[in-house]
Amino acid sequence: MGGERADTCDLKWWGLTDKGPFRKNNEDAFLALTFDQYDLRLLGKEGEADFELGDFVFAVSDGMGGANAGEFASRIAISRITERFPKQYRTEAIKQPGAHEAALVRLFEVIHAEMTVMGMHYEECRGMGATLSLMWLTPGMGYFCHAGDSRIYHLPGGGEDIIQLTEDHTHVGWLFRQGKINEREARFHEGRHMLQMAMGGRHSDISPQVGSVEIKPGDRFVFCTDGLIEGLWDNTINRLVRNPPPRLAGEQPARRLLKEALNESGRDNTTVIVLEFPA
């Protein structure tokens, strides 16, 4: 799909994942797809397209669990989106306000229930869980749903500060949102990885965060797992996407972020998707 339209496009995307130099396997996964009422198609790691193709879905997931369960968990979370995202979602959602968000909550609940059951009945899946941060894109609007501590950032086209759309579902994230600690204190807090909500795992119930954002030409979005955050501050993410230094200016934006995060930390798997809506 990338490269089909050289003259104009509504959306560009770049996605990358890396296990990092210290991990044996990659427990992260990401997804890019487009769909309409007739068909659903997976997209490549990068490309450009317009909304004549249909709506778009982008998501990142970070798995957790013993042995290979974490790797399995993130793959399940991502694959179930393509299996469970009914073609009628788009036509149904157009009919009534709030239907996009309600459809995403139902999707998350179904995936969570399936992962929980698998964790209970299969020893190799014991304790299996995953974060999941997803956005459903329609012309002019993005609808997001989220559980865990992966993130979706909005970089408005007008040049305003970067905005974290999703909330980290950790006690540390709550402390930060309440203004009780700053970004530096949150980043180095010993409890920053202790999730209070995730898909599957030992979480008996979920109440995913849902929301929407108006999309304007010039806007960008960054989806990432916590491996990126371990290496980069929010203002660094903003700078690398908008105004990269000369040594990185020739790289596509997801690779800039991935390279710098691995250089600064690299302790964890790192996954990033960058979306751009050309002005």
Foldseek 3Di string as FASTA:
>chain_A
DAPPDPDDFQKKKAKDWDFFDPDPDALKDKFKWFAALPDIGTDDRIHTHYCVRPKMKIKMKFKDDPDCLSNVANVLLHVLCVVVVHNCQVVVPVPDPPSVQVSVQVSLQVQLVVLQVCLVPPVVNPQIWMWMWMWIGDVFKIKIKTFAAWWKWKQDQVRDAIGTPAFHQWVLSVCCVVVVDDPVCLLPPPRNRPGPTTRHGPNPDDDIDIDMDTDDARMKMKTKGCLLVNQDDRVRLNCLQPPNPPVCVVPHSQVSSVVRSSVRPRPGMMIMMMMHGHD
